[in-house]
Amino acid sequence: MPVPTEIKLHRQSRVLELHFDDGSSFNLTCEYLRVHSPSAEVRGHGPGQEVLQVNKEDVNITRIEPVGEYAVRLHFDDGHNSGLYGWEFLHELGRNQEQHWQRYLDRLREAGYQRRAAD
């Protein structure tokens, strides 16, 4: 399992920069991380219970809290902070970012939601 060697928040651009010990690196937007939170609030408690997250275009991370040697808790400025982002989960989000983002955009479109440009 890849482990982060560096986690850097770029507040102005709302991007979390991640570098892993396997040589991979990813730039994940705060919006992307927020709408893909591993929390029950977003994922539900079982298949089909996911809650589509909307109006997160301008969300930012206010604090990154280490959780043991295996995860971080991301505190977002919309008050959300219940998801634990494990190393494997973060690596997977980075590795499959394009597919996850497209699936999210498709779900928004199916729900009739028009995503606006971030401020």
PDB file of N, CA and C in Angstrom:
ATOM      1  N   MET A   1       0.842  -1.181   0.000  1.00  0.00           N
ATOM      2  CA  MET A   1       0.000   0.000   0.000  1.00  0.00           C
ATOM      3  C   MET A   1       0.892   1.251   0.000  1.00  0.00           C
ATOM      4  N   PRO A   2       0.719   2.118  -0.988  1.00  0.00           N
ATOM      5  CA  PRO A   2       1.497   3.360  -1.017  1.00  0.00           C
ATOM      6  C   PRO A   2       1.167   4.264   0.171  1.00  0.00           C
ATOM      7  N   VAL A   3       2.191   4.918   0.681  1.00  0.00           N
ATOM      8  CA  VAL A   3       2.048   5.825   1.821  1.00  0.00           C
ATOM      9  C   VAL A   3       2.483   7.219   1.370  1.00  0.00           C
ATOM     10  N   PRO A   4       1.741   8.261   1.766  1.00  0.00           N
ATOM     11  CA  PRO A   4       2.135   9.615   1.374  1.00  0.00           C
ATOM     12  C   PRO A   4       3.474  10.017   1.996  1.00  0.00           C
ATOM     13  N   THR A   5       4.297  10.655   1.198  1.00  0.00           N
ATOM     14  CA  THR A   5       5.537  11.234   1.692  1.00  0.00           C
ATOM     15  C   THR A   5       5.382  12.736   1.884  1.00  0.00           C
ATOM     16  N   GLU A   6       4.380  13.316   1.220  1.00  0.00           N
ATOM     17  CA  GLU A   6       4.105  14.745   1.368  1.00  0.00           C
ATOM     18  C   GLU A   6       2.631  14.994   1.075  1.00  0.00           C
ATOM     19  N   ILE A   7       2.018  15.822   1.911  1.00  0.00           N
ATOM     20  CA  ILE A   7       0.641  16.269   1.710  1.00  0.00           C
ATOM     21  C   ILE A   7       0.676  17.784   1.869  1.00  0.00           C
ATOM     22  N   LYS A   8       0.321  18.477   0.803  1.00  0.00           N
ATOM     23  CA  LYS A   8       0.418  19.934   0.826  1.00  0.00           C
ATOM     24  C   LYS A   8      -0.883  20.540   0.311  1.00  0.00           C
ATOM     25  N   LEU A   9      -1.468  21.422   1.116  1.00  0.00           N
ATOM     26  CA  LEU A   9      -2.701  22.098   0.734  1.00  0.00           C
ATOM     27  C   LEU A   9      -2.369  23.438   0.100  1.00  0.00           C
ATOM     28  N   HIS A  10      -2.913  23.665  -1.066  1.00  0.00           N
ATOM     29  CA  HIS A  10      -2.810  24.963  -1.753  1.00  0.00           C
ATOM     30  C   HIS A  10      -4.177  25.630  -1.588  1.00  0.00           C
ATOM     31  N   ARG A  11      -4.302  26.455  -0.564  1.00  0.00           N
ATOM     32  CA  ARG A  11      -5.601  27.038  -0.217  1.00  0.00           C
ATOM     33  C   ARG A  11      -6.173  27.915  -1.324  1.00  0.00           C
ATOM     34  N   GLN A  12      -5.345  28.728  -1.931  1.00  0.00           N
ATOM     35  CA  GLN A  12      -5.857  29.664  -2.930  1.00  0.00           C
ATOM     36  C   GLN A  12      -6.438  28.938  -4.135  1.00  0.00           C
ATOM     37  N   SER A  13      -5.763  27.919  -4.611  1.00  0.00           N
ATOM     38  CA  SER A  13      -6.259  27.159  -5.767  1.00  0.00           C
ATOM     39  C   SER A  13      -7.167  26.010  -5.349  1.00  0.00           C
ATOM     40  N   ARG A  14      -7.313  25.775  -4.027  1.00  0.00           N
ATOM     41  CA  ARG A  14      -8.163  24.720  -3.474  1.00  0.00           C
ATOM     42  C   ARG A  14      -7.770  23.349  -4.027  1.00  0.00           C
ATOM     43  N   VAL A  15      -6.489  23.050  -3.900  1.00  0.00           N
ATOM     44  CA  VAL A  15      -5.940  21.779  -4.386  1.00  0.00           C
ATOM     45  C   VAL A  15      -5.109  21.140  -3.282  1.00  0.00           C
ATOM     46  N   LEU A  16      -5.285  19.835  -3.106  1.00  0.00           N
ATOM     47  CA  LEU A  16      -4.460  19.063  -2.194  1.00  0.00           C
ATOM     48  C   LEU A  16      -3.450  18.292  -3.031  1.00  0.00           C
ATOM     49  N   GLU A  17      -2.185  18.574  -2.805  1.00  0.00           N
ATOM     50  CA  GLU A  17      -1.091  17.928  -3.535  1.00  0.00           C
ATOM     51  C   GLU A  17      -0.588  16.759  -2.702  1.00  0.00           C
ATOM     52  N   LEU A  18      -0.545  15.584  -3.315  1.00  0.00           N
ATOM     53  CA  LEU A  18      -0.135  14.365  -2.624  1.00  0.00           C
ATOM     54  C   LEU A  18       1.017  13.705  -3.360  1.00  0.00           C
ATOM     55  N   HIS A  19       2.045  13.322  -2.604  1.00  0.00           N
ATOM     56  CA  HIS A  19       3.171  12.557  -3.146  1.00  0.00           C
ATOM     57  C   HIS A  19       3.263  11.273  -2.334  1.00  0.00           C
ATOM     58  N   PHE A  20       3.407  10.145  -3.044  1.00  0.00           N
ATOM     59  CA  PHE A  20       3.449   8.840  -2.396  1.00  0.00           C
ATOM     60  C   PHE A  20       4.813   8.187  -2.556  1.00  0.00           C
ATOM     61  N   ASP A  21       5.096   7.230  -1.671  1.00  0.00           N
ATOM     62  CA  ASP A  21       6.404   6.566  -1.681  1.00  0.00           C
ATOM     63  C   ASP A  21       6.613   5.640  -2.878  1.00  0.00           C
ATOM     64  N   ASP A  22       5.580   5.425  -3.690  1.00  0.00           N
ATOM     65  CA  ASP A  22       5.756   4.634  -4.910  1.00  0.00           C
ATOM     66  C   ASP A  22       6.110   5.515  -6.107  1.00  0.00           C
ATOM     67  N   GLY A  23       6.315   6.824  -5.854  1.00  0.00           N
ATOM     68  CA  GLY A  23       6.685   7.765  -6.905  1.00  0.00           C
ATOM     69  C   GLY A  23       5.505   8.471  -7.540  1.00  0.00           C
ATOM     70  N   SER A  24       4.295   8.065  -7.213  1.00  0.00           N
ATOM     71  CA  SER A  24       3.127   8.721  -7.804  1.00  0.00           C
ATOM     72  C   SER A  24       2.833  10.022  -7.073  1.00  0.00           C
ATOM     73  N   SER A  25       2.200  10.938  -7.779  1.00  0.00           N
ATOM     74  CA  SER A  25       1.756  12.187  -7.174  1.00  0.00           C
ATOM     75  C   SER A  25       0.461  12.612  -7.849  1.00  0.00           C
ATOM     76  N   PHE A  26      -0.380  13.282  -7.072  1.00  0.00           N
ATOM     77  CA  PHE A  26      -1.692  13.682  -7.550  1.00  0.00           C
ATOM     78  C   PHE A  26      -2.032  15.064  -7.010  1.00  0.00           C
ATOM     79  N   ASN A  27      -2.763  15.825  -7.802  1.00  0.00           N
ATOM     80  CA  ASN A  27      -3.337  17.090  -7.383  1.00  0.00           C
ATOM     81  C   ASN A  27      -4.847  16.915  -7.404  1.00  0.00           C
ATOM     82  N   LEU A  28      -5.447  16.882  -6.221  1.00  0.00           N
ATOM     83  CA  LEU A  28      -6.880  16.639  -6.099  1.00  0.00           C
ATOM     84  C   LEU A  28      -7.551  17.906  -5.585  1.00  0.00           C
ATOM     85  N   THR A  29      -8.595  18.344  -6.288  1.00  0.00           N
ATOM     86  CA  THR A  29      -9.282  19.558  -5.851  1.00  0.00           C
ATOM     87  C   THR A  29     -10.060  19.275  -4.568  1.00  0.00           C
ATOM     88  N   CYS A  30     -10.279  20.319  -3.805  1.00  0.00           N
ATOM     89  CA  CYS A  30     -11.059  20.190  -2.578  1.00  0.00           C
ATOM     90  C   CYS A  30     -12.482  19.741  -2.911  1.00  0.00           C
ATOM     91  N   GLU A  31     -13.034  20.254  -4.002  1.00  0.00           N
ATOM     92  CA  GLU A  31     -14.374  19.829  -4.417  1.00  0.00           C
ATOM     93  C   GLU A  31     -14.404  18.330  -4.680  1.00  0.00           C
ATOM     94  N   TYR A  32     -13.435  17.831  -5.422  1.00  0.00           N
ATOM     95  CA  TYR A  32     -13.360  16.405  -5.739  1.00  0.00           C
ATOM     96  C   TYR A  32     -13.281  15.567  -4.454  1.00  0.00           C
ATOM     97  N   LEU A  33     -12.427  15.985  -3.525  1.00  0.00           N
ATOM     98  CA  LEU A  33     -12.290  15.263  -2.264  1.00  0.00           C
ATOM     99  C   LEU A  33     -13.574  15.321  -1.445  1.00  0.00           C
ATOM    100  N   ARG A  34     -14.229  16.465  -1.459  1.00  0.00           N
ATOM    101  CA  ARG A  34     -15.459  16.633  -0.667  1.00  0.00           C
ATOM    102  C   ARG A  34     -16.592  15.770  -1.206  1.00  0.00           C
ATOM    103  N   VAL A  35     -16.782  15.769  -2.527  1.00  0.00           N
ATOM    104  CA  VAL A  35     -17.913  15.027  -3.091  1.00  0.00           C
ATOM    105  C   VAL A  35     -17.660  13.520  -3.088  1.00  0.00           C
ATOM    106  N   HIS A  36     -16.402  13.116  -2.897  1.00  0.00           N
ATOM    107  CA  HIS A  36     -16.063  11.692  -2.806  1.00  0.00           C
ATOM    108  C   HIS A  36     -15.668  11.291  -1.383  1.00  0.00           C
ATOM    109  N   SER A  37     -16.136  12.037  -0.411  1.00  0.00           N
ATOM    110  CA  SER A  37     -15.821  11.736   0.981  1.00  0.00           C
ATOM    111  C   SER A  37     -16.193  10.292   1.319  1.00  0.00           C
ATOM    112  N   PRO A  38     -15.332   9.606   2.082  1.00  0.00           N
ATOM    113  CA  PRO A  38     -15.643   8.242   2.492  1.00  0.00           C
ATOM    114  C   PRO A  38     -16.642   8.170   3.648  1.00  0.00           C
ATOM    115  N   SER A  39     -17.206   9.283   4.048  1.00  0.00           N
ATOM    116  CA  SER A  39     -18.114   9.308   5.200  1.00  0.00           C
ATOM    117  C   SER A  39     -19.456   8.667   4.866  1.00  0.00           C
ATOM    118  N   ALA A  40     -20.138   8.216   5.886  1.00  0.00           N
ATOM    119  CA  ALA A  40     -21.488   7.661   5.729  1.00  0.00           C
ATOM    120  C   ALA A  40     -22.452   8.743   5.249  1.00  0.00           C
ATOM    121  N   GLU A  41     -22.195   9.989   5.612  1.00  0.00           N
ATOM    122  CA  GLU A  41     -23.032  11.110   5.181  1.00  0.00           C
ATOM    123  C   GLU A  41     -23.087  11.202   3.657  1.00  0.00           C
ATOM    124  N   VAL A  42     -21.989  10.850   2.994  1.00  0.00           N
ATOM    125  CA  VAL A  42     -21.900  10.908   1.533  1.00  0.00           C
ATOM    126  C   VAL A  42     -22.165   9.540   0.916  1.00  0.00           C
ATOM    127  N   ARG A  43     -21.555   8.510   1.462  1.00  0.00           N
ATOM    128  CA  ARG A  43     -21.644   7.164   0.885  1.00  0.00           C
ATOM    129  C   ARG A  43     -22.875   6.386   1.316  1.00  0.00           C
ATOM    130  N   GLY A  44     -23.505   6.812   2.397  1.00  0.00           N
ATOM    131  CA  GLY A  44     -24.624   6.051   2.923  1.00  0.00           C
ATOM    132  C   GLY A  44     -24.114   4.859   3.721  1.00  0.00           C
ATOM    133  N   HIS A  45     -25.025   4.015   4.131  1.00  0.00           N
ATOM    134  CA  HIS A  45     -24.660   2.842   4.937  1.00  0.00           C
ATOM    135  C   HIS A  45     -24.740   1.552   4.138  1.00  0.00           C
ATOM    136  N   GLY A  46     -24.918   1.687   2.840  1.00  0.00           N
ATOM    137  CA  GLY A  46     -24.973   0.508   1.988  1.00  0.00           C
ATOM    138  C   GLY A  46     -25.171   0.907   0.542  1.00  0.00           C
ATOM    139  N   PRO A  47     -25.096  -0.051  -0.367  1.00  0.00           N
ATOM    140  CA  PRO A  47     -25.264   0.225  -1.781  1.00  0.00           C
ATOM    141  C   PRO A  47     -26.589   0.928  -2.074  1.00  0.00           C
ATOM    142  N   GLY A  48     -26.534   1.921  -2.930  1.00  0.00           N
ATOM    143  CA  GLY A  48     -27.726   2.651  -3.319  1.00  0.00           C
ATOM    144  C   GLY A  48     -28.130   3.749  -2.360  1.00  0.00           C
ATOM    145  N   GLN A  49     -27.373   3.949  -1.290  1.00  0.00           N
ATOM    146  CA  GLN A  49     -27.710   4.975  -0.305  1.00  0.00           C
ATOM    147  C   GLN A  49     -26.829   6.216  -0.424  1.00  0.00           C
ATOM    148  N   GLU A  50     -26.030   6.289  -1.485  1.00  0.00           N
ATOM    149  CA  GLU A  50     -25.146   7.432  -1.679  1.00  0.00           C
ATOM    150  C   GLU A  50     -25.967   8.713  -1.790  1.00  0.00           C
ATOM    151  N   VAL A  51     -25.427   9.812  -1.274  1.00  0.00           N
ATOM    152  CA  VAL A  51     -26.088  11.109  -1.333  1.00  0.00           C
ATOM    153  C   VAL A  51     -25.278  12.007  -2.266  1.00  0.00           C
ATOM    154  N   LEU A  52     -25.903  12.411  -3.369  1.00  0.00           N
ATOM    155  CA  LEU A  52     -25.238  13.267  -4.342  1.00  0.00           C
ATOM    156  C   LEU A  52     -24.929  14.619  -3.708  1.00  0.00           C
ATOM    157  N   GLN A  53     -23.680  15.013  -3.752  1.00  0.00           N
ATOM    158  CA  GLN A  53     -23.236  16.268  -3.165  1.00  0.00           C
ATOM    159  C   GLN A  53     -23.278  17.363  -4.230  1.00  0.00           C
ATOM    160  N   VAL A  54     -23.970  18.458  -3.930  1.00  0.00           N
ATOM    161  CA  VAL A  54     -24.074  19.576  -4.871  1.00  0.00           C
ATOM    162  C   VAL A  54     -23.640  20.867  -4.193  1.00  0.00           C
ATOM    163  N   ASN A  55     -23.381  21.882  -5.004  1.00  0.00           N
ATOM    164  CA  ASN A  55     -22.968  23.202  -4.511  1.00  0.00           C
ATOM    165  C   ASN A  55     -21.668  23.140  -3.727  1.00  0.00           C
ATOM    166  N   LYS A  56     -20.726  22.325  -4.185  1.00  0.00           N
ATOM    167  CA  LYS A  56     -19.439  22.194  -3.509  1.00  0.00           C
ATOM    168  C   LYS A  56     -18.298  22.785  -4.348  1.00  0.00           C
ATOM    169  N   GLU A  57     -18.639  23.561  -5.370  1.00  0.00           N
ATOM    170  CA  GLU A  57     -17.634  24.109  -6.277  1.00  0.00           C
ATOM    171  C   GLU A  57     -16.589  24.970  -5.567  1.00  0.00           C
ATOM    172  N   ASP A  58     -16.988  25.687  -4.526  1.00  0.00           N
ATOM    173  CA  ASP A  58     -16.078  26.606  -3.840  1.00  0.00           C
ATOM    174  C   ASP A  58     -15.580  26.090  -2.496  1.00  0.00           C
ATOM    175  N   VAL A  59     -15.849  24.838  -2.174  1.00  0.00           N
ATOM    176  CA  VAL A  59     -15.449  24.307  -0.871  1.00  0.00           C
ATOM    177  C   VAL A  59     -13.924  24.283  -0.754  1.00  0.00           C
ATOM    178  N   ASN A  60     -13.450  24.489   0.460  1.00  0.00           N
ATOM    179  CA  ASN A  60     -12.016  24.467   0.712  1.00  0.00           C
ATOM    180  C   ASN A  60     -11.756  23.628   1.965  1.00  0.00           C
ATOM    181  N   ILE A  61     -10.531  23.238   2.125  1.00  0.00           N
ATOM    182  CA  ILE A  61     -10.110  22.502   3.313  1.00  0.00           C
ATOM    183  C   ILE A  61      -9.533  23.512   4.299  1.00  0.00           C
ATOM    184  N   THR A  62      -9.998  23.457   5.537  1.00  0.00           N
ATOM    185  CA  THR A  62      -9.506  24.384   6.554  1.00  0.00           C
ATOM    186  C   THR A  62      -8.431  23.760   7.431  1.00  0.00           C
ATOM    187  N   ARG A  63      -8.465  22.405   7.539  1.00  0.00           N
ATOM    188  CA  ARG A  63      -7.499  21.741   8.401  1.00  0.00           C
ATOM    189  C   ARG A  63      -7.331  20.298   7.966  1.00  0.00           C
ATOM    190  N   ILE A  64      -6.109  19.806   8.079  1.00  0.00           N
ATOM    191  CA  ILE A  64      -5.794  18.414   7.799  1.00  0.00           C
ATOM    192  C   ILE A  64      -5.313  17.809   9.107  1.00  0.00           C
ATOM    193  N   GLU A  65      -6.060  16.841   9.601  1.00  0.00           N
ATOM    194  CA  GLU A  65      -5.764  16.231  10.902  1.00  0.00           C
ATOM    195  C   GLU A  65      -5.256  14.799  10.703  1.00  0.00           C
ATOM    196  N   PRO A  66      -4.012  14.519  11.107  1.00  0.00           N
ATOM    197  CA  PRO A  66      -3.518  13.138  11.011  1.00  0.00           C
ATOM    198  C   PRO A  66      -4.325  12.203  11.903  1.00  0.00           C
ATOM    199  N   VAL A  67      -4.567  10.990  11.411  1.00  0.00           N
ATOM    200  CA  VAL A  67      -5.250   9.958  12.190  1.00  0.00           C
ATOM    201  C   VAL A  67      -4.340   8.736  12.172  1.00  0.00           C
ATOM    202  N   GLY A  68      -3.645   8.536  13.263  1.00  0.00           N
ATOM    203  CA  GLY A  68      -2.695   7.430  13.340  1.00  0.00           C
ATOM    204  C   GLY A  68      -1.662   7.502  12.227  1.00  0.00           C
ATOM    205  N   GLU A  69      -1.256   6.350  11.750  1.00  0.00           N
ATOM    206  CA  GLU A  69      -0.270   6.243  10.669  1.00  0.00           C
ATOM    207  C   GLU A  69      -0.933   5.817   9.364  1.00  0.00           C
ATOM    208  N   TYR A  70      -2.260   5.967   9.290  1.00  0.00           N
ATOM    209  CA  TYR A  70      -2.972   5.380   8.158  1.00  0.00           C
ATOM    210  C   TYR A  70      -3.945   6.298   7.431  1.00  0.00           C
ATOM    211  N   ALA A  71      -4.208   7.515   7.954  1.00  0.00           N
ATOM    212  CA  ALA A  71      -5.245   8.349   7.348  1.00  0.00           C
ATOM    213  C   ALA A  71      -5.121   9.802   7.792  1.00  0.00           C
ATOM    214  N   VAL A  72      -5.935  10.634   7.156  1.00  0.00           N
ATOM    215  CA  VAL A  72      -6.134  12.013   7.584  1.00  0.00           C
ATOM    216  C   VAL A  72      -7.634  12.287   7.612  1.00  0.00           C
ATOM    217  N   ARG A  73      -8.003  13.188   8.492  1.00  0.00           N
ATOM    218  CA  ARG A  73      -9.372  13.705   8.518  1.00  0.00           C
ATOM    219  C   ARG A  73      -9.281  15.093   7.899  1.00  0.00           C
ATOM    220  N   LEU A  74     -10.052  15.303   6.840  1.00  0.00           N
ATOM    221  CA  LEU A  74     -10.068  16.607   6.180  1.00  0.00           C
ATOM    222  C   LEU A  74     -11.240  17.409   6.722  1.00  0.00           C
ATOM    223  N   HIS A  75     -10.944  18.609   7.185  1.00  0.00           N
ATOM    224  CA  HIS A  75     -11.972  19.521   7.682  1.00  0.00           C
ATOM    225  C   HIS A  75     -12.269  20.519   6.573  1.00  0.00           C
ATOM    226  N   PHE A  76     -13.515  20.518   6.102  1.00  0.00           N
ATOM    227  CA  PHE A  76     -13.917  21.403   5.015  1.00  0.00           C
ATOM    228  C   PHE A  76     -14.635  22.621   5.577  1.00  0.00           C
ATOM    229  N   ASP A  77     -14.576  23.724   4.819  1.00  0.00           N
ATOM    230  CA  ASP A  77     -15.177  24.956   5.323  1.00  0.00           C
ATOM    231  C   ASP A  77     -16.700  24.952   5.277  1.00  0.00           C
ATOM    232  N   ASP A  78     -17.325  23.878   4.767  1.00  0.00           N
ATOM    233  CA  ASP A  78     -18.781  23.761   4.842  1.00  0.00           C
ATOM    234  C   ASP A  78     -19.208  22.975   6.083  1.00  0.00           C
ATOM    235  N   GLY A  79     -18.230  22.670   6.956  1.00  0.00           N
ATOM    236  CA  GLY A  79     -18.515  21.981   8.205  1.00  0.00           C
ATOM    237  C   GLY A  79     -18.321  20.469   8.149  1.00  0.00           C
ATOM    238  N   HIS A  80     -18.137  19.914   6.963  1.00  0.00           N
ATOM    239  CA  HIS A  80     -17.980  18.460   6.839  1.00  0.00           C
ATOM    240  C   HIS A  80     -16.586  18.046   7.320  1.00  0.00           C
ATOM    241  N   ASN A  81     -16.543  17.021   8.189  1.00  0.00           N
ATOM    242  CA  ASN A  81     -15.241  16.514   8.655  1.00  0.00           C
ATOM    243  C   ASN A  81     -15.340  15.069   9.156  1.00  0.00           C
ATOM    244  N   SER A  82     -16.355  14.346   8.709  1.00  0.00           N
ATOM    245  CA  SER A  82     -16.557  13.012   9.265  1.00  0.00           C
ATOM    246  C   SER A  82     -15.921  11.889   8.450  1.00  0.00           C
ATOM    247  N   GLY A  83     -15.278  12.205   7.339  1.00  0.00           N
ATOM    248  CA  GLY A  83     -14.661  11.149   6.545  1.00  0.00           C
ATOM    249  C   GLY A  83     -13.197  10.959   6.889  1.00  0.00           C
ATOM    250  N   LEU A  84     -12.774   9.703   7.032  1.00  0.00           N
ATOM    251  CA  LEU A  84     -11.353   9.399   7.212  1.00  0.00           C
ATOM    252  C   LEU A  84     -10.785   8.966   5.865  1.00  0.00           C
ATOM    253  N   TYR A  85      -9.829   9.721   5.387  1.00  0.00           N
ATOM    254  CA  TYR A  85      -9.215   9.476   4.092  1.00  0.00           C
ATOM    255  C   TYR A  85      -7.947   8.650   4.305  1.00  0.00           C
ATOM    256  N   GLY A  86      -8.090   7.342   4.185  1.00  0.00           N
ATOM    257  CA  GLY A  86      -6.948   6.440   4.334  1.00  0.00           C
ATOM    258  C   GLY A  86      -6.010   6.550   3.148  1.00  0.00           C
ATOM    259  N   TRP A  87      -4.773   6.104   3.361  1.00  0.00           N
ATOM    260  CA  TRP A  87      -3.753   6.224   2.299  1.00  0.00           C
ATOM    261  C   TRP A  87      -4.186   5.505   1.029  1.00  0.00           C
ATOM    262  N   GLU A  88      -4.701   4.288   1.188  1.00  0.00           N
ATOM    263  CA  GLU A  88      -5.115   3.515   0.013  1.00  0.00           C
ATOM    264  C   GLU A  88      -6.258   4.217  -0.721  1.00  0.00           C
ATOM    265  N   PHE A  89      -7.202   4.784   0.033  1.00  0.00           N
ATOM    266  CA  PHE A  89      -8.333   5.498  -0.554  1.00  0.00           C
ATOM    267  C   PHE A  89      -7.852   6.733  -1.317  1.00  0.00           C
ATOM    268  N   LEU A  90      -6.967   7.521  -0.706  1.00  0.00           N
ATOM    269  CA  LEU A  90      -6.440   8.710  -1.382  1.00  0.00           C
ATOM    270  C   LEU A  90      -5.681   8.340  -2.648  1.00  0.00           C
ATOM    271  N   HIS A  91      -4.892   7.284  -2.580  1.00  0.00           N
ATOM    272  CA  HIS A  91      -4.134   6.836  -3.752  1.00  0.00           C
ATOM    273  C   HIS A  91      -5.094   6.407  -4.864  1.00  0.00           C
ATOM    274  N   GLU A  92      -6.136   5.688  -4.491  1.00  0.00           N
ATOM    275  CA  GLU A  92      -7.132   5.249  -5.474  1.00  0.00           C
ATOM    276  C   GLU A  92      -7.871   6.440  -6.077  1.00  0.00           C
ATOM    277  N   LEU A  93      -8.217   7.436  -5.263  1.00  0.00           N
ATOM    278  CA  LEU A  93      -8.864   8.643  -5.790  1.00  0.00           C
ATOM    279  C   LEU A  93      -7.962   9.336  -6.804  1.00  0.00           C
ATOM    280  N   GLY A  94      -6.677   9.373  -6.524  1.00  0.00           N
ATOM    281  CA  GLY A  94      -5.739   9.989  -7.456  1.00  0.00           C
ATOM    282  C   GLY A  94      -5.571   9.174  -8.726  1.00  0.00           C
ATOM    283  N   ARG A  95      -5.378   7.890  -8.563  1.00  0.00           N
ATOM    284  CA  ARG A  95      -5.153   6.996  -9.698  1.00  0.00           C
ATOM    285  C   ARG A  95      -6.336   6.978 -10.664  1.00  0.00           C
ATOM    286  N   ASN A  96      -7.532   7.057 -10.133  1.00  0.00           N
ATOM    287  CA  ASN A  96      -8.746   6.950 -10.951  1.00  0.00           C
ATOM    288  C   ASN A  96      -9.549   8.248 -10.991  1.00  0.00           C
ATOM    289  N   GLN A  97      -8.850   9.354 -10.850  1.00  0.00           N
ATOM    290  CA  GLN A  97      -9.509  10.657 -10.754  1.00  0.00           C
ATOM    291  C   GLN A  97     -10.405  10.952 -11.956  1.00  0.00           C
ATOM    292  N   GLU A  98      -9.926  10.703 -13.140  1.00  0.00           N
ATOM    293  CA  GLU A  98     -10.703  11.042 -14.336  1.00  0.00           C
ATOM    294  C   GLU A  98     -12.034  10.276 -14.377  1.00  0.00           C
ATOM    295  N   GLN A  99     -11.981   8.980 -14.088  1.00  0.00           N
ATOM    296  CA  GLN A  99     -13.197   8.170 -14.117  1.00  0.00           C
ATOM    297  C   GLN A  99     -14.171   8.570 -13.011  1.00  0.00           C
ATOM    298  N   HIS A 100     -13.651   8.793 -11.801  1.00  0.00           N
ATOM    299  CA  HIS A 100     -14.517   9.205 -10.690  1.00  0.00           C
ATOM    300  C   HIS A 100     -15.181  10.546 -10.981  1.00  0.00           C
ATOM    301  N   TRP A 101     -14.401  11.486 -11.509  1.00  0.00           N
ATOM    302  CA  TRP A 101     -14.938  12.823 -11.765  1.00  0.00           C
ATOM    303  C   TRP A 101     -16.017  12.747 -12.841  1.00  0.00           C
ATOM    304  N   GLN A 102     -15.769  11.984 -13.903  1.00  0.00           N
ATOM    305  CA  GLN A 102     -16.756  11.866 -14.975  1.00  0.00           C
ATOM    306  C   GLN A 102     -18.038  11.219 -14.465  1.00  0.00           C
ATOM    307  N   ARG A 103     -17.906  10.202 -13.619  1.00  0.00           N
ATOM    308  CA  ARG A 103     -19.086   9.564 -13.030  1.00  0.00           C
ATOM    309  C   ARG A 103     -19.876  10.574 -12.194  1.00  0.00           C
ATOM    310  N   TYR A 104     -19.170  11.405 -11.442  1.00  0.00           N
ATOM    311  CA  TYR A 104     -19.827  12.443 -10.639  1.00  0.00           C
ATOM    312  C   TYR A 104     -20.568  13.428 -11.541  1.00  0.00           C
ATOM    313  N   LEU A 105     -19.906  13.893 -12.596  1.00  0.00           N
ATOM    314  CA  LEU A 105     -20.547  14.836 -13.530  1.00  0.00           C
ATOM    315  C   LEU A 105     -21.771  14.204 -14.185  1.00  0.00           C
ATOM    316  N   ASP A 106     -21.695  12.934 -14.523  1.00  0.00           N
ATOM    317  CA  ASP A 106     -22.834  12.220 -15.108  1.00  0.00           C
ATOM    318  C   ASP A 106     -23.992  12.152 -14.120  1.00  0.00           C
ATOM    319  N   ARG A 107     -23.688  11.883 -12.855  1.00  0.00           N
ATOM    320  CA  ARG A 107     -24.737  11.817 -11.828  1.00  0.00           C
ATOM    321  C   ARG A 107     -25.397  13.180 -11.637  1.00  0.00           C
ATOM    322  N   LEU A 108     -24.591  14.243 -11.668  1.00  0.00           N
ATOM    323  CA  LEU A 108     -25.159  15.593 -11.569  1.00  0.00           C
ATOM    324  C   LEU A 108     -26.116  15.853 -12.725  1.00  0.00           C
ATOM    325  N   ARG A 109     -25.685  15.528 -13.934  1.00  0.00           N
ATOM    326  CA  ARG A 109     -26.496  15.755 -15.125  1.00  0.00           C
ATOM    327  C   ARG A 109     -27.811  14.961 -15.035  1.00  0.00           C
ATOM    328  N   GLU A 110     -27.712  13.700 -14.632  1.00  0.00           N
ATOM    329  CA  GLU A 110     -28.909  12.862 -14.499  1.00  0.00           C
ATOM    330  C   GLU A 110     -29.881  13.423 -13.469  1.00  0.00           C
ATOM    331  N   ALA A 111     -29.340  14.089 -12.451  1.00  0.00           N
ATOM    332  CA  ALA A 111     -30.185  14.679 -11.409  1.00  0.00           C
ATOM    333  C   ALA A 111     -30.709  16.055 -11.806  1.00  0.00           C
ATOM    334  N   GLY A 112     -30.294  16.544 -12.980  1.00  0.00           N
ATOM    335  CA  GLY A 112     -30.756  17.847 -13.447  1.00  0.00           C
ATOM    336  C   GLY A 112     -30.025  19.013 -12.826  1.00  0.00           C
ATOM    337  N   TYR A 113     -28.857  18.746 -12.260  1.00  0.00           N
ATOM    338  CA  TYR A 113     -28.096  19.803 -11.611  1.00  0.00           C
ATOM    339  C   TYR A 113     -27.054  20.357 -12.567  1.00  0.00           C
ATOM    340  N   GLN A 114     -27.022  21.673 -12.703  1.00  0.00           N
ATOM    341  CA  GLN A 114     -26.026  22.331 -13.538  1.00  0.00           C
ATOM    342  C   GLN A 114     -24.882  22.828 -12.656  1.00  0.00           C
ATOM    343  N   ARG A 115     -23.719  22.216 -12.782  1.00  0.00           N
ATOM    344  CA  ARG A 115     -22.554  22.618 -11.991  1.00  0.00           C
ATOM    345  C   ARG A 115     -22.102  23.986 -12.469  1.00  0.00           C
ATOM    346  N   ARG A 116     -21.833  24.895 -11.540  1.00  0.00           N
ATOM    347  CA  ARG A 116     -21.360  26.237 -11.911  1.00  0.00           C
ATOM    348  C   ARG A 116     -19.854  26.310 -11.761  1.00  0.00           C
ATOM    349  N   ALA A 117     -19.262  27.285 -12.408  1.00  0.00           N
ATOM    350  CA  ALA A 117     -17.812  27.484 -12.287  1.00  0.00           C
ATOM    351  C   ALA A 117     -17.507  27.960 -10.874  1.00  0.00           C
ATOM    352  N   ALA A 118     -16.397  27.484 -10.332  1.00  0.00           N
ATOM    353  CA  ALA A 118     -15.979  27.916  -8.992  1.00  0.00           C
ATOM    354  C   ALA A 118     -15.554  29.375  -9.045  1.00  0.00           C
ATOM    355  N   ASP A 119     -15.766  30.076  -7.928  1.00  0.00           N
ATOM    356  CA  ASP A 119     -15.352  31.492  -7.844  1.00  0.00           C
ATOM    357  C   ASP A 119     -13.854  31.624  -7.814  1.00  0.00           C
TER     358      ASP A 119
END
